[in-house]
Amino acid sequence: MLSSAFKRQSLNPATLLAVWILVILLAMNLASPAGVYAAGIAAIVANTYTPFHFHRLLKRSRWLLLSVALIFLFMTPGVALISTFGAFAPSFDGVHAAIDQIGRLVLALALLALLLGHMDLNELVAGLRQLLVMLHLPGFDPDRAALRLSLTLRRLEQGSQRTEPQRWQSRFDIDTGIQKSPESISLRLYPFGTLDKLVIAMALIAFITIVVVAQIQPSGELVL
């Protein structure tokens, strides 16, 4: 499987996370229709290799996807798609804008599903912590950020595994969440080897090259 291929390379989780962030930045700037095509390909790959994570992300984002579609359909000026509705009719430009934005969101969700399918919770948190440590952000505590992220992801995972319906009052019960949350977490420290440095260097070179080439385009978007 694709996930086993990643593990055989013994890449640091921080390396995978850094490459994923660069891919997300590039994917969000793809010009239409390349972005829609990329979203379709990513959705097929995510549905094949990580269907559980992809379907769960789509389900949790369904109202966001619907809201974005309605906003761009009815708030984008242009030639009316159905003239009988007058000023309340969606426009042709709105349809293109809605498809473009929905494609970007689906692409991001598909890439996130692939990331979650290749890394467990501890690897994800450890990778983010190591990235924050390498950035040396002043006044920012990587350990505290890793702890908060771990607690949040664990609560989300427990919520997705709950079979009994939850009363709406319990969602506001802060004391219950605090009692069940651990005060500390244990993270494995992964070595950062030569292969990790090589992969990050190649990813940065590719990212900078694509960005520089994209600046030549009049629209400033990545045209493939």
C-alpha atoms as a PDB file:
ATOM      1  CA  MET A   1       0.000   0.000   0.000  1.00  0.00           C
ATOM      2  CA  LEU A   2       0.967   3.636  -0.323  1.00  0.00           C
ATOM      3  CA  SER A   3       1.331   4.093   3.440  1.00  0.00           C
ATOM      4  CA  SER A   4       3.764   1.183   3.730  1.00  0.00           C
ATOM      5  CA  ALA A   5       5.884   2.721   0.982  1.00  0.00           C
ATOM      6  CA  PHE A   6       6.267   5.872   3.069  1.00  0.00           C
ATOM      7  CA  LYS A   7       7.235   3.902   6.182  1.00  0.00           C
ATOM      8  CA  ARG A   8       9.890   1.919   4.328  1.00  0.00           C
ATOM      9  CA  GLN A   9      11.644   5.188   3.515  1.00  0.00           C
ATOM     10  CA  SER A  10      11.956   5.968   7.266  1.00  0.00           C
ATOM     11  CA  LEU A  11      11.155   9.631   6.771  1.00  0.00           C
ATOM     12  CA  ASN A  12      10.726  11.842   9.797  1.00  0.00           C
ATOM     13  CA  PRO A  13       7.076  12.865  10.410  1.00  0.00           C
ATOM     14  CA  ALA A  14       8.232  16.492  10.347  1.00  0.00           C
ATOM     15  CA  THR A  15       9.534  15.947   6.815  1.00  0.00           C
ATOM     16  CA  LEU A  16       6.218  14.538   5.606  1.00  0.00           C
ATOM     17  CA  LEU A  17       4.359  17.369   7.310  1.00  0.00           C
ATOM     18  CA  ALA A  18       6.616  20.032   5.759  1.00  0.00           C
ATOM     19  CA  VAL A  19       6.223  18.545   2.274  1.00  0.00           C
ATOM     20  CA  TRP A  20       2.459  18.338   2.813  1.00  0.00           C
ATOM     21  CA  ILE A  21       2.323  22.033   3.753  1.00  0.00           C
ATOM     22  CA  LEU A  22       4.240  22.990   0.602  1.00  0.00           C
ATOM     23  CA  VAL A  23       1.926  20.871  -1.544  1.00  0.00           C
ATOM     24  CA  ILE A  24      -1.122  22.505   0.065  1.00  0.00           C
ATOM     25  CA  LEU A  25       0.266  25.993  -0.629  1.00  0.00           C
ATOM     26  CA  LEU A  26       0.834  25.128  -4.275  1.00  0.00           C
ATOM     27  CA  ALA A  27      -2.506  23.365  -4.669  1.00  0.00           C
ATOM     28  CA  MET A  28      -4.459  26.331  -3.289  1.00  0.00           C
ATOM     29  CA  ASN A  29      -2.984  28.559  -6.014  1.00  0.00           C
ATOM     30  CA  LEU A  30      -3.719  26.342  -9.000  1.00  0.00           C
ATOM     31  CA  ALA A  31      -5.566  28.181 -11.734  1.00  0.00           C
ATOM     32  CA  SER A  32      -8.866  26.872 -13.038  1.00  0.00           C
ATOM     33  CA  PRO A  33      -9.464  24.298 -14.462  1.00  0.00           C
ATOM     34  CA  ALA A  34      -6.186  22.742 -13.280  1.00  0.00           C
ATOM     35  CA  GLY A  35      -7.358  23.056  -9.659  1.00  0.00           C
ATOM     36  CA  VAL A  36     -10.580  21.169 -10.399  1.00  0.00           C
ATOM     37  CA  TYR A  37      -8.677  18.413 -12.205  1.00  0.00           C
ATOM     38  CA  ALA A  38      -6.208  18.159  -9.319  1.00  0.00           C
ATOM     39  CA  ALA A  39      -9.102  17.970  -6.847  1.00  0.00           C
ATOM     40  CA  GLY A  40     -10.655  15.114  -8.810  1.00  0.00           C
ATOM     41  CA  ILE A  41      -7.388  13.179  -8.943  1.00  0.00           C
ATOM     42  CA  ALA A  42      -6.685  13.769  -5.244  1.00  0.00           C
ATOM     43  CA  ALA A  43     -10.230  12.735  -4.319  1.00  0.00           C
ATOM     44  CA  ILE A  44      -9.872   9.466  -6.263  1.00  0.00           C
ATOM     45  CA  VAL A  45      -6.514   8.716  -4.621  1.00  0.00           C
ATOM     46  CA  ALA A  46      -7.802   9.565  -1.137  1.00  0.00           C
ATOM     47  CA  ASN A  47     -10.960   7.517  -1.671  1.00  0.00           C
ATOM     48  CA  THR A  48      -8.808   4.561  -2.764  1.00  0.00           C
ATOM     49  CA  TYR A  49      -6.099   4.578  -0.089  1.00  0.00           C
ATOM     50  CA  THR A  50      -7.689   6.395   2.877  1.00  0.00           C
ATOM     51  CA  PRO A  51     -11.474   6.152   2.426  1.00  0.00           C
ATOM     52  CA  PHE A  52     -12.242   6.268   6.156  1.00  0.00           C
ATOM     53  CA  HIS A  53     -10.475   9.585   6.774  1.00  0.00           C
ATOM     54  CA  PHE A  54     -11.654  11.114   3.483  1.00  0.00           C
ATOM     55  CA  HIS A  55     -15.313  10.243   4.016  1.00  0.00           C
ATOM     56  CA  ARG A  56     -15.208  11.469   7.615  1.00  0.00           C
ATOM     57  CA  LEU A  57     -13.652  14.792   6.567  1.00  0.00           C
ATOM     58  CA  LEU A  58     -16.226  15.246   3.817  1.00  0.00           C
ATOM     59  CA  LYS A  59     -19.046  14.508   6.253  1.00  0.00           C
ATOM     60  CA  ARG A  60     -17.754  17.005   8.803  1.00  0.00           C
ATOM     61  CA  SER A  61     -17.252  19.663   6.111  1.00  0.00           C
ATOM     62  CA  ARG A  62     -20.560  19.198   4.292  1.00  0.00           C
ATOM     63  CA  TRP A  63     -22.121  22.393   5.654  1.00  0.00           C
ATOM     64  CA  LEU A  64     -18.994  24.394   4.861  1.00  0.00           C
ATOM     65  CA  LEU A  65     -18.998  23.068   1.290  1.00  0.00           C
ATOM     66  CA  LEU A  66     -22.692  23.879   0.908  1.00  0.00           C
ATOM     67  CA  SER A  67     -22.260  27.393   2.335  1.00  0.00           C
ATOM     68  CA  VAL A  68     -19.333  28.177   0.047  1.00  0.00           C
ATOM     69  CA  ALA A  69     -21.262  26.920  -2.978  1.00  0.00           C
ATOM     70  CA  LEU A  70     -24.335  29.041  -2.168  1.00  0.00           C
ATOM     71  CA  ILE A  71     -22.296  32.166  -1.433  1.00  0.00           C
ATOM     72  CA  PHE A  72     -20.417  32.064  -4.727  1.00  0.00           C
ATOM     73  CA  LEU A  73     -23.479  31.014  -6.711  1.00  0.00           C
ATOM     74  CA  PHE A  74     -25.709  33.863  -5.589  1.00  0.00           C
ATOM     75  CA  MET A  75     -23.210  36.586  -4.600  1.00  0.00           C
ATOM     76  CA  THR A  76     -21.021  36.603  -7.717  1.00  0.00           C
ATOM     77  CA  PRO A  77     -22.131  39.226 -10.275  1.00  0.00           C
ATOM     78  CA  GLY A  78     -22.505  38.236 -13.909  1.00  0.00           C
ATOM     79  CA  VAL A  79     -24.968  36.961 -16.493  1.00  0.00           C
ATOM     80  CA  ALA A  80     -27.946  35.305 -14.812  1.00  0.00           C
ATOM     81  CA  LEU A  81     -28.133  31.538 -15.188  1.00  0.00           C
ATOM     82  CA  ILE A  82     -31.959  31.598 -14.892  1.00  0.00           C
ATOM     83  CA  SER A  83     -33.359  34.948 -15.973  1.00  0.00           C
ATOM     84  CA  THR A  84     -36.804  34.338 -14.455  1.00  0.00           C
ATOM     85  CA  PHE A  85     -35.383  34.701 -10.932  1.00  0.00           C
ATOM     86  CA  GLY A  86     -34.178  38.229 -11.630  1.00  0.00           C
ATOM     87  CA  ALA A  87     -31.666  39.614  -9.130  1.00  0.00           C
ATOM     88  CA  PHE A  88     -31.855  36.431  -7.047  1.00  0.00           C
ATOM     89  CA  ALA A  89     -30.710  34.156  -9.865  1.00  0.00           C
ATOM     90  CA  PRO A  90     -27.266  32.512  -9.782  1.00  0.00           C
ATOM     91  CA  SER A  91     -24.821  33.690 -12.431  1.00  0.00           C
ATOM     92  CA  PHE A  92     -22.626  31.814 -14.889  1.00  0.00           C
ATOM     93  CA  ASP A  93     -19.584  33.382 -13.257  1.00  0.00           C
ATOM     94  CA  GLY A  94     -20.924  32.259  -9.893  1.00  0.00           C
ATOM     95  CA  VAL A  95     -21.142  28.663 -11.090  1.00  0.00           C
ATOM     96  CA  HIS A  96     -17.507  28.743 -12.237  1.00  0.00           C
ATOM     97  CA  ALA A  97     -16.407  30.414  -8.994  1.00  0.00           C
ATOM     98  CA  ALA A  98     -18.339  27.910  -6.860  1.00  0.00           C
ATOM     99  CA  ILE A  99     -16.857  24.926  -8.718  1.00  0.00           C
ATOM    100  CA  ASP A 100     -13.385  26.419  -8.375  1.00  0.00           C
ATOM    101  CA  GLN A 101     -13.683  27.041  -4.623  1.00  0.00           C
ATOM    102  CA  ILE A 102     -15.345  23.690  -3.927  1.00  0.00           C
ATOM    103  CA  GLY A 103     -12.535  22.049  -5.858  1.00  0.00           C
ATOM    104  CA  ARG A 104      -9.938  23.787  -3.693  1.00  0.00           C
ATOM    105  CA  LEU A 105     -11.680  22.651  -0.506  1.00  0.00           C
ATOM    106  CA  VAL A 106     -12.056  19.063  -1.707  1.00  0.00           C
ATOM    107  CA  LEU A 107      -8.407  19.071  -2.753  1.00  0.00           C
ATOM    108  CA  ALA A 108      -7.353  20.252   0.708  1.00  0.00           C
ATOM    109  CA  LEU A 109      -9.558  17.641   2.396  1.00  0.00           C
ATOM    110  CA  ALA A 110      -8.200  14.870   0.162  1.00  0.00           C
ATOM    111  CA  LEU A 111      -4.595  15.844   0.912  1.00  0.00           C
ATOM    112  CA  LEU A 112      -5.407  16.012   4.631  1.00  0.00           C
ATOM    113  CA  ALA A 113      -6.997  12.552   4.476  1.00  0.00           C
ATOM    114  CA  LEU A 114      -3.858  11.167   2.814  1.00  0.00           C
ATOM    115  CA  LEU A 115      -1.723  12.735   5.538  1.00  0.00           C
ATOM    116  CA  LEU A 116      -3.887  11.312   8.331  1.00  0.00           C
ATOM    117  CA  GLY A 117      -3.858   7.921   6.654  1.00  0.00           C
ATOM    118  CA  HIS A 118      -0.056   7.801   6.589  1.00  0.00           C
ATOM    119  CA  MET A 119       0.573   9.135  10.100  1.00  0.00           C
ATOM    120  CA  ASP A 120      -1.005   8.223  13.404  1.00  0.00           C
ATOM    121  CA  LEU A 121      -1.852  10.768  16.085  1.00  0.00           C
ATOM    122  CA  ASN A 122       1.495  10.587  17.881  1.00  0.00           C
ATOM    123  CA  GLU A 123       3.463  10.930  14.629  1.00  0.00           C
ATOM    124  CA  LEU A 124       1.415  13.941  13.564  1.00  0.00           C
ATOM    125  CA  VAL A 125       1.858  15.746  16.876  1.00  0.00           C
ATOM    126  CA  ALA A 126       5.562  14.829  17.076  1.00  0.00           C
ATOM    127  CA  GLY A 127       6.120  16.060  13.522  1.00  0.00           C
ATOM    128  CA  LEU A 128       4.407  19.383  14.196  1.00  0.00           C
ATOM    129  CA  ARG A 129       6.361  19.842  17.418  1.00  0.00           C
ATOM    130  CA  GLN A 130       9.660  19.205  15.642  1.00  0.00           C
ATOM    131  CA  LEU A 131       8.779  21.700  12.909  1.00  0.00           C
ATOM    132  CA  LEU A 132       7.971  24.330  15.526  1.00  0.00           C
ATOM    133  CA  VAL A 133      11.231  23.605  17.330  1.00  0.00           C
ATOM    134  CA  MET A 134      13.203  24.059  14.093  1.00  0.00           C
ATOM    135  CA  LEU A 135      11.449  27.365  13.354  1.00  0.00           C
ATOM    136  CA  HIS A 136      12.532  28.857  16.720  1.00  0.00           C
ATOM    137  CA  LEU A 137       9.538  31.184  16.971  1.00  0.00           C
ATOM    138  CA  PRO A 138      10.128  33.734  19.752  1.00  0.00           C
ATOM    139  CA  GLY A 139       7.697  33.511  22.661  1.00  0.00           C
ATOM    140  CA  PHE A 140       6.125  30.319  21.320  1.00  0.00           C
ATOM    141  CA  ASP A 141       6.230  27.068  23.287  1.00  0.00           C
ATOM    142  CA  PRO A 142       6.264  24.007  20.964  1.00  0.00           C
ATOM    143  CA  ASP A 143       5.537  21.631  23.850  1.00  0.00           C
ATOM    144  CA  ARG A 144       2.413  23.532  24.887  1.00  0.00           C
ATOM    145  CA  ALA A 145       1.213  23.677  21.278  1.00  0.00           C
ATOM    146  CA  ALA A 146       1.807  19.935  20.862  1.00  0.00           C
ATOM    147  CA  LEU A 147      -0.121  19.206  24.074  1.00  0.00           C
ATOM    148  CA  ARG A 148      -3.098  21.338  23.009  1.00  0.00           C
ATOM    149  CA  LEU A 149      -3.155  19.770  19.543  1.00  0.00           C
ATOM    150  CA  SER A 150      -2.947  16.262  20.986  1.00  0.00           C
ATOM    151  CA  LEU A 151      -5.829  16.872  23.401  1.00  0.00           C
ATOM    152  CA  THR A 152      -7.971  18.401  20.638  1.00  0.00           C
ATOM    153  CA  LEU A 153      -7.350  15.538  18.214  1.00  0.00           C
ATOM    154  CA  ARG A 154      -8.025  12.950  20.917  1.00  0.00           C
ATOM    155  CA  ARG A 155     -11.351  14.586  21.773  1.00  0.00           C
ATOM    156  CA  LEU A 156     -12.313  14.624  18.088  1.00  0.00           C
ATOM    157  CA  GLU A 157     -11.337  10.985  17.713  1.00  0.00           C
ATOM    158  CA  GLN A 158     -13.341   9.990  20.786  1.00  0.00           C
ATOM    159  CA  GLY A 159     -16.332  11.930  19.480  1.00  0.00           C
ATOM    160  CA  SER A 160     -16.211  10.143  16.111  1.00  0.00           C
ATOM    161  CA  GLN A 161     -16.104   6.754  17.846  1.00  0.00           C
ATOM    162  CA  ARG A 162     -19.069   7.473  20.136  1.00  0.00           C
ATOM    163  CA  THR A 163     -22.040   5.270  19.246  1.00  0.00           C
ATOM    164  CA  GLU A 164     -24.604   6.662  21.707  1.00  0.00           C
ATOM    165  CA  PRO A 165     -26.168  10.068  20.988  1.00  0.00           C
ATOM    166  CA  GLN A 166     -24.708  12.869  23.047  1.00  0.00           C
ATOM    167  CA  ARG A 167     -26.978  15.323  24.846  1.00  0.00           C
ATOM    168  CA  TRP A 168     -26.477  18.878  23.699  1.00  0.00           C
ATOM    169  CA  GLN A 169     -25.936  20.060  27.311  1.00  0.00           C
ATOM    170  CA  SER A 170     -22.839  17.863  27.608  1.00  0.00           C
ATOM    171  CA  ARG A 171     -21.144  19.786  24.786  1.00  0.00           C
ATOM    172  CA  PHE A 172     -20.883  22.757  27.151  1.00  0.00           C
ATOM    173  CA  ASP A 173     -19.746  20.699  30.151  1.00  0.00           C
ATOM    174  CA  ILE A 174     -16.190  21.967  30.479  1.00  0.00           C
ATOM    175  CA  ASP A 175     -15.465  20.121  33.731  1.00  0.00           C
ATOM    176  CA  THR A 176     -16.184  16.750  32.136  1.00  0.00           C
ATOM    177  CA  GLY A 177     -13.652  17.357  29.367  1.00  0.00           C
ATOM    178  CA  ILE A 178     -11.014  18.493  31.822  1.00  0.00           C
ATOM    179  CA  GLN A 179     -11.427  15.429  34.051  1.00  0.00           C
ATOM    180  CA  LYS A 180     -10.978  13.054  31.124  1.00  0.00           C
ATOM    181  CA  SER A 181      -8.001  14.889  29.589  1.00  0.00           C
ATOM    182  CA  PRO A 182      -4.489  13.749  30.516  1.00  0.00           C
ATOM    183  CA  GLU A 183      -2.118  16.234  32.076  1.00  0.00           C
ATOM    184  CA  SER A 184       0.838  15.061  29.962  1.00  0.00           C
ATOM    185  CA  ILE A 185       1.507  13.134  26.786  1.00  0.00           C
ATOM    186  CA  SER A 186       4.433  11.025  25.634  1.00  0.00           C
ATOM    187  CA  LEU A 187       5.885  11.674  22.195  1.00  0.00           C
ATOM    188  CA  ARG A 188       8.504   9.648  20.409  1.00  0.00           C
ATOM    189  CA  LEU A 189      11.477  11.640  19.108  1.00  0.00           C
ATOM    190  CA  TYR A 190      12.196  10.682  15.511  1.00  0.00           C
ATOM    191  CA  PRO A 191      15.722  11.116  14.094  1.00  0.00           C
ATOM    192  CA  PHE A 192      16.212  13.760  11.426  1.00  0.00           C
ATOM    193  CA  GLY A 193      18.584  12.132   8.946  1.00  0.00           C
ATOM    194  CA  THR A 194      20.230  12.914   5.633  1.00  0.00           C
ATOM    195  CA  LEU A 195      17.256  11.632   3.649  1.00  0.00           C
ATOM    196  CA  ASP A 196      14.955  14.059   5.466  1.00  0.00           C
ATOM    197  CA  LYS A 197      17.248  16.998   4.681  1.00  0.00           C
ATOM    198  CA  LEU A 198      17.446  15.930   1.038  1.00  0.00           C
ATOM    199  CA  VAL A 199      13.670  15.605   0.686  1.00  0.00           C
ATOM    200  CA  ILE A 200      13.005  18.991   2.306  1.00  0.00           C
ATOM    201  CA  ALA A 201      15.705  20.661   0.184  1.00  0.00           C
ATOM    202  CA  MET A 202      14.260  19.213  -3.018  1.00  0.00           C
ATOM    203  CA  ALA A 203      10.737  20.204  -1.984  1.00  0.00           C
ATOM    204  CA  LEU A 204      11.822  23.778  -1.218  1.00  0.00           C
ATOM    205  CA  ILE A 205      13.676  24.065  -4.528  1.00  0.00           C
ATOM    206  CA  ALA A 206      10.632  22.787  -6.430  1.00  0.00           C
ATOM    207  CA  PHE A 207       8.333  25.108  -4.476  1.00  0.00           C
ATOM    208  CA  ILE A 208      10.463  28.204  -5.096  1.00  0.00           C
ATOM    209  CA  THR A 209      10.885  27.331  -8.778  1.00  0.00           C
ATOM    210  CA  ILE A 210       7.151  26.937  -9.304  1.00  0.00           C
ATOM    211  CA  VAL A 211       6.403  30.164  -7.435  1.00  0.00           C
ATOM    212  CA  VAL A 212       8.964  32.117  -9.472  1.00  0.00           C
ATOM    213  CA  VAL A 213       7.571  30.745 -12.729  1.00  0.00           C
ATOM    214  CA  ALA A 214       4.031  31.565 -11.597  1.00  0.00           C
ATOM    215  CA  GLN A 215       4.991  35.209 -11.067  1.00  0.00           C
ATOM    216  CA  ILE A 216       5.514  35.479 -14.817  1.00  0.00           C
ATOM    217  CA  GLN A 217       1.850  34.691 -15.386  1.00  0.00           C
ATOM    218  CA  PRO A 218      -0.431  37.772 -15.560  1.00  0.00           C
ATOM    219  CA  SER A 219      -2.913  36.270 -13.094  1.00  0.00           C
ATOM    220  CA  GLY A 220      -0.236  35.271 -10.582  1.00  0.00           C
ATOM    221  CA  GLU A 221      -1.787  31.805 -10.298  1.00  0.00           C
ATOM    222  CA  LEU A 222      -0.118  28.509 -11.071  1.00  0.00           C
ATOM    223  CA  VAL A 223      -1.043  27.697 -14.637  1.00  0.00           C
ATOM    224  CA  LEU A 224      -0.393  24.089 -15.630  1.00  0.00           C
END
